[in-house]
Protein backbone atom coordinates (compact mmCIF):
# COMPACT_ATOMS: atom_id res chain seq x y z
CA MET A 1 -2.21 37.87 12.68
CA ASN A 2 -3.97 38.28 9.33
CA LYS A 3 -1.14 37.44 6.90
CA LYS A 4 -2.85 39.02 3.91
CA LEU A 5 -3.23 42.33 5.76
CA LEU A 6 0.36 42.08 6.99
CA ASP A 7 1.48 41.66 3.38
CA ALA A 8 -0.58 44.74 2.47
CA VAL A 9 1.22 46.72 5.19
CA ASN A 10 4.63 45.66 3.89
CA ASN A 11 3.60 46.53 0.33
CA ALA A 12 2.51 49.96 1.54
CA ILE A 13 5.79 50.53 3.42
CA GLU A 14 7.73 49.57 0.28
CA ILE A 15 6.05 52.54 -1.39
CA ALA A 16 5.80 54.97 1.54
CA ARG A 17 9.51 54.66 2.38
CA TRP A 18 10.17 56.82 -0.70
CA ALA A 19 8.53 59.82 0.98
CA PRO A 20 10.80 62.85 1.33
CA SER A 21 12.06 63.88 4.76
CA SER A 22 14.43 66.45 6.22
CA HIS A 23 18.01 65.38 5.37
CA ASN A 24 16.38 62.14 4.18
CA CYS A 25 16.59 61.03 7.82
CA GLN A 26 13.39 58.94 7.38
CA PRO A 27 12.23 59.35 11.00
CA TRP A 28 9.27 56.99 10.77
CA LYS A 29 8.45 53.65 12.33
CA VAL A 30 5.49 51.35 11.69
CA MET A 31 4.27 48.90 14.31
CA THR A 32 1.60 46.25 13.82
CA LEU A 33 0.03 44.84 16.96
CA GLU A 34 -0.25 41.08 16.72
CA SER A 35 -3.01 40.89 19.29
CA ALA A 36 -4.81 44.16 19.94
CA GLY A 37 -6.57 43.35 23.21
CA LYS A 38 -8.50 45.41 25.72
CA GLN A 39 -5.44 47.47 26.65
CA TYR A 40 -5.72 49.27 23.29
CA ASP A 41 -9.50 49.41 23.07
CA VAL A 42 -9.65 52.92 24.54
CA LEU A 43 -9.06 54.32 21.05
CA LEU A 44 -11.21 51.85 19.15
CA ASP A 45 -14.96 52.19 18.69
CA LYS A 46 -15.33 48.39 18.68
CA PRO A 47 -13.11 45.29 19.17
CA LEU A 48 -10.98 44.15 16.27
CA LYS A 49 -12.37 41.42 14.04
CA SER A 50 -10.45 38.59 12.41
CA ASN A 51 -10.21 40.54 9.16
CA GLU A 52 -8.79 43.64 10.89
CA LEU A 53 -5.29 44.70 11.91
CA LEU A 54 -4.16 47.52 14.19
CA CYS A 55 -1.17 49.41 12.81
CA CYS A 56 0.66 52.42 14.30
CA LEU A 57 2.81 55.12 12.76
CA ALA A 58 5.37 56.57 15.14
CA LEU A 59 8.20 59.08 15.14
CA ASP A 60 11.43 57.15 15.74
CA LYS A 61 13.26 59.15 18.40
CA LYS A 62 16.60 57.60 17.45
CA ARG A 63 16.26 58.99 13.93
CA GLN A 64 14.78 62.43 14.54
CA LEU A 65 16.78 65.61 13.92
CA ASN A 66 17.24 67.72 17.05
CA ALA A 67 20.12 70.14 16.46
CA LEU A 68 17.60 73.01 16.43
CA PRO A 69 14.31 73.26 18.38
CA SER A 70 12.36 74.12 15.23
CA LEU A 71 13.28 70.80 13.63
CA ARG A 72 10.55 69.07 15.64
CA PHE A 73 8.03 70.68 13.27
CA GLU A 74 9.86 69.18 10.30
CA MET A 75 9.85 65.73 11.92
CA TYR A 76 6.05 65.69 12.24
CA VAL A 77 5.64 66.98 8.68
CA SER A 78 8.08 64.31 7.45
CA CYS A 79 6.05 61.58 9.16
CA GLY A 80 2.93 63.03 7.58
CA LEU A 81 4.54 62.72 4.14
CA PHE A 82 5.11 59.02 4.87
CA LEU A 83 1.55 58.63 6.18
CA GLY A 84 0.09 60.08 2.98
CA LEU A 85 1.90 57.56 0.78
CA PHE A 86 1.17 54.71 3.20
CA TRP A 87 -2.56 55.46 3.10
CA LEU A 88 -2.52 55.71 -0.69
CA ALA A 89 -0.69 52.40 -1.10
CA VAL A 90 -2.91 50.60 1.42
CA THR A 91 -6.14 51.73 -0.21
CA GLN A 92 -4.81 50.72 -3.64
CA GLN A 93 -4.95 47.16 -2.24
CA LYS A 94 -8.65 47.45 -1.40
CA VAL A 95 -7.88 47.84 2.28
CA ARG A 96 -10.02 50.19 4.34
CA CYS A 97 -8.24 52.45 6.82
CA ARG A 98 -9.74 54.09 9.93
CA PHE A 99 -7.62 56.67 11.74
CA HIS A 100 -7.24 56.96 15.52
CA TRP A 101 -5.00 59.93 16.31
CA LEU A 102 -2.57 59.31 19.14
CA CYS A 103 -0.62 62.59 19.19
CA ASP A 104 -2.16 65.37 21.30
CA THR A 105 -4.07 62.60 23.15
CA ASP A 106 -3.86 61.37 26.74
CA LEU A 107 -2.69 57.79 26.23
CA ASN A 108 -3.24 54.94 28.69
CA LEU A 109 -0.39 52.97 30.23
CA SER A 110 -0.33 50.31 27.49
CA TRP A 111 0.19 52.86 24.73
CA LEU A 112 2.80 54.74 26.76
CA GLN A 113 4.66 51.50 27.45
CA LEU A 114 4.59 50.62 23.75
CA ALA A 115 6.10 54.01 22.89
CA SER A 116 8.76 53.73 25.59
CA GLU A 117 9.82 50.19 24.66
CA HIS A 118 10.33 51.19 21.04
CA GLU A 119 11.86 54.64 21.72
CA SER A 120 9.20 56.34 19.69
CA GLU A 121 6.44 58.91 19.82
CA LEU A 122 3.11 57.45 18.70
CA LEU A 123 1.35 59.59 16.11
CA VAL A 124 -1.60 57.70 14.66
CA ALA A 125 -3.12 54.21 14.91
CA MET A 126 -4.91 52.77 11.92
CA THR A 127 -7.46 49.98 11.89
CA LEU A 128 -6.96 48.20 8.58
CA SER A 129 -9.69 45.92 7.29
CA THR A 130 -10.61 44.15 4.11
CA GLU A 131 -12.89 41.58 2.62
CA ASP A 132 -11.46 38.10 2.19
CA PHE A 133 -8.54 38.41 -0.24
CA GLU A 134 -9.11 34.88 -1.46
CA ALA A 135 -12.38 36.00 -3.00
CA ASP A 136 -10.37 38.08 -5.48
CA ASN A 137 -9.97 36.44 -8.84
CA GLU A 138 -6.75 36.37 -10.82
CA TYR A 139 -7.74 39.47 -12.81
CA GLN A 140 -8.36 41.53 -9.65
CA VAL A 141 -5.05 40.45 -8.14
CA SER A 142 -3.27 41.36 -11.38
CA ARG A 143 -4.89 44.83 -11.41
CA THR A 144 -3.85 45.47 -7.80
CA THR A 145 -0.28 44.39 -8.55
CA SER A 146 -0.21 46.67 -11.59
CA ARG A 147 -1.50 49.67 -9.60
CA LEU A 148 1.12 49.15 -6.91
CA HIS A 149 3.88 48.81 -9.50
CA GLN A 150 2.84 52.07 -11.20
CA LEU A 151 2.69 53.89 -7.86
CA LEU A 152 6.10 52.54 -6.84
CA GLU A 153 7.56 53.66 -10.18
CA LEU A 154 6.17 57.15 -9.61
CA VAL A 155 7.30 57.63 -6.01
CA SER A 156 10.73 56.02 -6.44
CA THR A 157 11.67 58.48 -9.20
CA ARG A 158 10.61 61.59 -7.26
CA ARG A 159 13.56 63.66 -6.07
CA THR A 160 14.29 66.94 -4.36
CA PHE A 161 15.88 68.97 -7.17
CA ARG A 162 18.56 71.43 -6.11
CA GLY A 163 19.55 72.76 -9.52
CA LEU A 164 18.23 75.45 -11.83
CA PHE A 165 14.57 75.15 -12.83
CA GLN A 166 13.07 76.14 -16.15
CA ASP A 167 11.73 79.70 -15.97
CA ASP A 168 8.13 78.80 -16.88
CA LEU A 169 5.48 80.56 -14.83
CA PHE A 170 2.66 78.20 -13.81
CA ASP A 171 -0.70 79.21 -15.30
CA GLN A 172 -3.88 79.06 -13.22
CA GLU A 173 -4.93 75.67 -14.61
CA THR A 174 -1.57 74.17 -13.63
CA ILE A 175 -1.80 75.68 -10.15
CA SER A 176 -5.34 74.38 -9.77
CA ASN A 177 -4.22 70.87 -10.75
CA LEU A 178 -1.23 70.98 -8.42
CA LEU A 179 -3.30 72.12 -5.45
CA SER A 180 -6.37 69.97 -6.13
CA ASN A 181 -7.33 67.95 -3.06
CA HIS A 182 -8.62 64.40 -3.58
CA TRP A 183 -7.35 62.67 -0.45
CA PRO A 184 -9.76 62.43 2.53
CA GLN A 185 -9.97 65.25 5.06
CA LEU A 186 -9.39 62.75 7.89
CA LEU A 187 -5.90 62.36 6.42
CA THR A 188 -4.96 65.83 5.18
CA GLY A 189 -7.14 67.96 7.45
CA LEU A 190 -8.50 71.41 6.69
CA GLU A 191 -5.97 73.59 8.50
CA ALA A 192 -3.11 73.80 6.00
CA SER A 193 -3.26 76.63 3.46
CA ALA A 194 -1.13 76.15 0.34
CA HIS A 195 -0.44 78.56 -2.51
CA PHE A 196 2.17 79.33 -5.16
CA GLU A 197 3.84 82.71 -4.68
CA GLN A 198 4.61 84.31 -8.05
CA ASP A 199 4.89 87.98 -7.11
CA ILE A 200 8.28 89.18 -8.40
CA ASP A 201 8.83 91.56 -5.49
CA HIS A 202 8.04 88.86 -2.95
CA ILE A 203 10.39 86.37 -4.62
CA HIS A 204 13.11 89.01 -4.70
CA GLY A 205 12.46 89.64 -1.00
CA VAL A 206 12.82 85.92 -0.26
CA THR A 207 16.05 85.95 -2.27
CA GLN A 208 17.44 88.66 -0.02
CA LEU A 209 16.43 86.69 3.07
CA VAL A 210 18.23 83.60 1.77
CA ALA A 211 21.35 85.63 0.99
CA LYS A 212 21.28 87.11 4.49
CA TYR A 213 20.36 84.06 6.58
CA ALA A 214 21.20 80.86 4.69
CA ALA A 215 24.75 80.96 6.05
CA LEU A 216 23.20 79.92 9.37
CA ASP A 217 22.85 76.45 7.86
CA PHE A 218 26.62 76.19 7.45
CA SER A 219 28.04 78.35 10.23
CA SER A 220 26.13 76.82 13.18
CA TYR A 221 28.45 74.07 14.38
CA ARG A 222 25.71 71.99 15.98
CA ALA A 223 23.33 72.27 13.02
CA TRP A 224 26.00 71.62 10.40
CA LYS A 225 27.43 68.69 12.38
CA GLU A 226 24.01 67.02 12.22
CA THR A 227 23.64 67.84 8.51
CA TYR A 228 27.13 66.50 7.74
CA ARG A 229 26.21 63.21 9.42
CA TYR A 230 23.69 62.68 6.60
CA LEU A 231 26.04 63.57 3.75
CA ARG A 232 27.08 60.49 1.72
CA PHE A 233 30.25 60.71 -0.36
CA ASP A 234 30.49 57.22 -1.89
CA LEU A 235 27.80 56.10 -4.33
CA GLN A 236 28.90 52.49 -3.78
CA ASP A 237 28.30 52.76 -0.05
CA ASN A 238 24.74 51.34 -0.12
CA ALA A 239 23.58 53.91 2.41
CA GLU A 240 20.07 53.64 3.85
CA ASP A 241 19.48 57.33 4.55
CA GLY A 242 20.98 60.78 3.98
CA PHE A 243 21.84 62.27 0.61
CA TYR A 244 24.77 61.91 -1.76
CA LEU A 245 27.12 64.81 -2.44
CA GLN A 246 26.43 64.34 -6.16
CA SER A 247 22.80 65.34 -5.64
CA LEU A 248 24.09 68.76 -4.56
CA PHE A 249 26.92 69.35 -7.04
CA GLY A 250 26.42 66.77 -9.80
CA PRO A 251 28.91 64.11 -10.93
CA MET A 252 32.53 64.67 -9.97
CA PRO A 253 35.82 62.69 -9.85
CA LYS A 254 36.80 60.85 -6.67
CA ARG A 255 39.63 63.28 -5.97
CA LYS A 256 37.20 66.19 -5.83
CA ILE A 257 34.75 64.22 -3.69
CA LYS A 258 37.51 63.61 -1.15
CA LEU A 259 38.29 67.32 -1.14
CA TYR A 260 34.65 68.18 -0.43
CA GLU A 261 34.50 65.56 2.30
CA TYR A 262 37.32 67.42 4.05
CA ILE A 263 36.18 70.96 3.34
CA LEU A 264 32.59 70.33 4.44
CA SER A 265 33.55 68.66 7.72
CA PRO A 266 32.15 70.61 10.71
CA LEU A 267 35.47 71.75 12.20
CA VAL A 268 36.83 72.89 8.85
CA MET A 269 33.58 74.73 8.10
CA GLN A 270 33.98 76.59 11.38
CA MET A 271 37.42 77.76 10.29
CA LEU A 272 36.14 78.69 6.84
CA ARG A 273 33.76 81.15 8.48
CA LEU A 274 36.79 83.42 8.79
CA VAL A 275 36.96 83.72 5.00
CA ASN A 276 33.16 83.89 4.49
CA VAL A 277 32.74 80.48 2.81
CA PRO A 278 29.31 79.89 4.45
CA GLN A 279 28.20 83.31 3.20
CA HIS A 280 29.39 82.42 -0.31
CA MET A 281 27.34 79.21 -0.21
CA ALA A 282 24.32 81.21 0.95
CA THR A 283 24.78 83.62 -1.95
CA GLU A 284 24.82 80.75 -4.45
CA LEU A 285 21.56 79.40 -3.02
CA SER A 286 19.99 82.86 -3.17
CA LYS A 287 20.80 83.06 -6.90
CA LEU A 288 18.74 79.90 -7.47
CA VAL A 289 15.84 81.39 -5.51
CA ASP A 290 16.03 84.63 -7.48
CA LYS A 291 15.73 82.72 -10.75
CA SER A 292 12.68 80.76 -9.56
CA ALA A 293 9.37 81.59 -11.21
CA GLN A 294 7.36 80.58 -8.15
CA LEU A 295 7.59 79.34 -4.58
CA LEU A 296 5.28 76.89 -2.82
CA ILE A 297 4.16 78.22 0.56
CA ILE A 298 2.25 76.19 3.15
CA LYS A 299 1.11 77.74 6.41
CA LEU A 300 -0.96 76.96 9.49
CA ASN A 301 -2.89 79.15 11.87
CA LYS A 302 -0.65 79.68 14.90
CA GLU A 303 -3.51 78.73 17.23
CA ARG A 304 -3.83 75.33 15.51
CA LEU A 305 -0.14 74.43 15.39
CA SER A 306 -0.67 70.99 16.95
CA LYS A 307 1.29 67.81 16.26
CA ARG A 308 -1.76 66.30 14.60
CA ASN A 309 -2.16 69.26 12.25
CA LEU A 310 1.54 69.15 11.38
CA VAL A 311 1.27 65.45 10.48
CA MET A 312 -1.86 66.17 8.43
CA THR A 313 -0.02 69.04 6.74
CA GLY A 314 2.70 66.57 5.77
CA ALA A 315 0.09 64.31 4.17
CA ARG A 316 -1.35 67.31 2.30
CA LEU A 317 2.15 68.25 1.12
CA MET A 318 2.69 64.68 -0.09
CA GLU A 319 -0.46 64.90 -2.19
CA ILE A 320 0.81 68.12 -3.80
CA TRP A 321 4.35 66.78 -4.22
CA LEU A 322 3.14 63.56 -5.86
CA GLN A 323 0.92 65.45 -8.28
CA ALA A 324 3.80 67.82 -9.02
CA HIS A 325 6.14 64.95 -9.87
CA HIS A 326 3.44 63.41 -12.08
CA MET A 327 3.28 66.74 -13.97
CA GLY A 328 7.07 67.09 -14.33
CA VAL A 329 7.34 69.70 -11.55
CA ALA A 330 10.00 69.46 -8.84
CA LEU A 331 10.35 71.09 -5.42
CA HIS A 332 13.40 72.29 -3.50
CA PRO A 333 12.64 73.18 0.17
CA ILE A 334 14.32 76.28 1.59
CA SER A 335 14.14 75.06 5.16
CA VAL A 336 16.78 77.38 6.60
CA LEU A 337 14.29 80.26 6.46
CA LEU A 338 11.99 78.36 8.83
CA GLN A 339 14.54 76.88 11.23
CA HIS A 340 15.48 80.18 12.85
CA ASP A 341 13.02 82.65 14.34
CA GLU A 342 14.35 85.87 12.80
CA PRO A 343 14.26 84.84 9.11
CA ARG A 344 10.93 83.00 9.58
CA GLU A 345 9.26 85.97 11.21
CA THR A 346 10.69 88.31 8.55
CA LEU A 347 9.42 85.97 5.82
CA GLN A 348 5.96 85.90 7.39
CA ARG A 349 5.84 89.69 7.47
CA LEU A 350 7.01 89.86 3.85
CA LEU A 351 4.24 87.50 2.73
CA GLN A 352 1.69 89.17 5.00
CA CYS A 353 0.94 86.08 7.07
CA HIS A 354 -1.30 87.38 9.84
CA ASN A 355 -1.51 85.02 12.84
CA GLU A 356 -0.14 82.26 10.60
CA ARG A 357 3.07 80.27 10.73
CA ILE A 358 4.78 79.16 7.53
CA VAL A 359 5.70 75.48 7.91
CA PHE A 360 6.98 74.81 4.39
CA VAL A 361 8.58 76.92 1.67
CA ALA A 362 10.16 75.60 -1.51
CA ARG A 363 11.30 76.58 -4.96
CA ALA A 364 9.05 75.04 -7.61
CA GLY A 365 9.46 74.54 -11.34
CA TYR A 366 9.72 72.22 -14.31
CA ILE A 367 12.81 70.06 -14.80
CA ASN A 368 14.17 67.74 -17.47
CA THR A 369 16.61 65.48 -15.72
CA ALA A 370 17.05 61.84 -14.77
CA ALA A 371 16.43 60.81 -11.18
CA SER A 372 19.57 60.70 -9.04
CA VAL A 373 20.39 58.00 -6.50
CA SER A 374 18.52 58.41 -3.21
CA PRO A 375 19.20 56.06 -0.25
CA ARG A 376 16.26 54.33 1.43
CA ARG A 377 15.85 52.11 4.46
CA PRO A 378 14.58 48.57 3.78
CA VAL A 379 11.04 47.64 4.81
CA GLN A 380 12.22 45.39 7.66
CA SER A 381 14.07 48.33 9.19
CA ILE A 382 10.83 50.34 9.36
CA HIS A 383 8.25 47.70 10.27
CA THR A 384 8.06 45.97 13.65
CA ALA A 385 5.46 43.35 14.59
CA VAL A 386 4.67 43.78 18.29
CA GLY A 387 3.23 41.03 20.46
CA SER A 388 0.76 42.15 23.11
């Protein structure tokens, strides 16, 4: 295997692992094929050369969320977020990347066996190639290292912000910069439509939907049990996924953390339904939405709601999210509105989405706050070298 390309893959994973995902479950897996022989050639336009490497992104079935049927959409979008950062980090190392989409494709036995052995769903294969690294001089190597370091610094400080945003309304120049598309269409596609909703009546309507339906997040035993599994209560725990309680409620003493650990447990939350605690939590979230100056909405045509387009939409969202963080703008997804049919369909009617399905909605605004702790899996947990 080309060691220099393998190093480039690991460098890219080091950066891409900071992509956001639902519950920070990080449902991605990367596989490099040590010897891509004829069994994989069905997807390649020509045999691999010595300076090429075949690399696959897959959805790790052991890590995917499945408490609700709609979460499968979020899993593909999450993997697309990872793919966007992976592509960006790879190309920063002067590595060319050709895509071979595996999802929505009839795969041969070798690909199906690969997916089965690794308990994964294959999404996209990438042929990575480069000129001889050794031809790079010391200056070029230093520039590449510097670019990767700057990108890592940017992505590792990006966070989902769940607090109160500043009340600044984005002007048209800001919106244009946030939505500008510079990544290739083969990565982000053309199907996703993104815009910032600033209409006061529409935002107020979304607020009412959150107040009415967000309790579903907390009152559904199965859904909350899965969410609770990703809650981390000890900052010293060195967790690899999930999210810390402090990212929801800010710093707090250990005694209070222990209280929340008990109160938020699935069985207790079921009992607290009797005194409307889930509804109270929904009301608090709706107040944040009501004070938001704008919402980011991304939608797809219902007739083109394929796995491939969802992954591409994730890559497109990553481009927007990265530019937002660079500009001091944060996002807070309001996923509960999309995880249940009734609130999603009501939201689509409110925003006049004709024959379109909203696949992402989030509060958006400026923040002035330090990055909180966010667990991440190590590279070796994500990357597997597969012998043919």
